[in-house]
Amino acid sequence: MNVNFDGRTYSFQVATGPDGYGRFTEAIRRAFRLPDDSELNITFTCDEPSTGALLTLQGAGAYDAAVH
C-alpha cells in the first residue's frame, strides 16, 4: 500500500484483518517517528473493482476494504 505523507510517497506491505491493520499502523508510526499512543487519522483511496470509480474510505473500519 502506498502512503502519501508530507509530499512524499512511501510503500508498505499489508495484510488483511485486525493483525494486518495493527502491523500497518505500527509500520506507519515507525516510518514517520510517531509516538506509540498517537492517534492516526487515515483516509484510503482506491478504485471500485467493477467500475473503476475512485472511492474514498475513512477510518480503521475501511482498512480491509482498501486492502482487498
Protein backbone atom coordinates (compact mmCIF):
# COMPACT_ATOMS: atom_id res chain seq x y z
CA MET A 1 0.00 0.00 0.00
CA ASN A 2 1.29 3.46 -0.81
CA VAL A 3 1.05 6.20 1.81
CA ASN A 4 1.39 9.87 1.00
CA PHE A 5 2.81 11.94 3.82
CA ASP A 6 4.32 15.42 3.76
CA GLY A 7 4.55 15.42 -0.04
CA ARG A 8 6.32 12.05 -0.29
CA THR A 9 5.07 8.55 -1.10
CA TYR A 10 6.04 5.54 1.00
CA SER A 11 5.24 1.88 0.25
CA PHE A 12 4.20 -0.66 2.89
CA GLN A 13 3.44 -4.37 2.78
CA VAL A 14 -0.09 -5.02 4.08
CA ALA A 15 -2.27 -7.95 5.13
CA THR A 16 -5.98 -8.14 5.88
CA GLY A 17 -7.60 -8.46 9.28
CA PRO A 18 -7.01 -6.91 12.69
CA ASP A 19 -3.44 -8.22 12.87
CA GLY A 20 -2.69 -6.77 9.44
CA TYR A 21 -4.10 -3.40 10.47
CA GLY A 22 -2.05 -3.46 13.66
CA ARG A 23 1.16 -4.19 11.74
CA PHE A 24 0.28 -1.47 9.21
CA THR A 25 -0.28 1.22 11.85
CA GLU A 26 2.86 0.12 13.71
CA ALA A 27 4.87 0.46 10.48
CA ILE A 28 3.36 3.93 9.88
CA ARG A 29 4.34 5.07 13.36
CA ARG A 30 7.90 3.74 12.95
CA ALA A 31 8.37 5.22 9.45
CA PHE A 32 7.18 8.67 10.49
CA ARG A 33 8.62 8.55 14.02
CA LEU A 34 5.23 8.97 15.67
CA PRO A 35 4.64 8.11 19.34
CA ASP A 36 3.03 4.73 20.01
CA ASP A 37 -0.01 6.41 21.52
CA SER A 38 -0.53 8.86 18.64
CA GLU A 39 -3.98 8.79 17.08
CA LEU A 40 -3.93 8.12 13.35
CA ASN A 41 -6.50 9.72 11.05
CA ILE A 42 -6.32 7.52 7.96
CA THR A 43 -8.15 8.02 4.67
CA PHE A 44 -7.89 5.37 1.96
CA THR A 45 -8.48 6.00 -1.74
CA CYS A 46 -8.91 3.08 -4.09
CA ASP A 47 -10.60 2.10 -7.35
CA GLU A 48 -14.02 0.46 -7.15
CA PRO A 49 -13.45 -3.02 -8.66
CA SER A 50 -16.40 -3.15 -11.06
CA THR A 51 -16.49 0.45 -12.32
CA GLY A 52 -13.01 1.81 -11.66
CA ALA A 53 -14.54 4.84 -9.89
CA LEU A 54 -12.35 6.40 -7.21
CA LEU A 55 -13.59 5.62 -3.70
CA THR A 56 -12.62 7.42 -0.51
CA LEU A 57 -12.81 5.31 2.64
CA GLN A 58 -12.08 6.63 6.12
CA GLY A 59 -11.03 5.09 9.39
CA ALA A 60 -9.83 1.76 10.70
CA GLY A 61 -13.06 0.04 9.62
CA ALA A 62 -12.21 0.76 5.98
CA TYR A 63 -8.79 -0.91 6.13
CA ASP A 64 -9.85 -4.40 4.93
CA ALA A 65 -11.86 -2.94 2.06
CA ALA A 66 -8.88 -0.85 0.98
CA VAL A 67 -6.51 -3.83 1.21
CA HIS A 68 -8.87 -6.15 -0.68
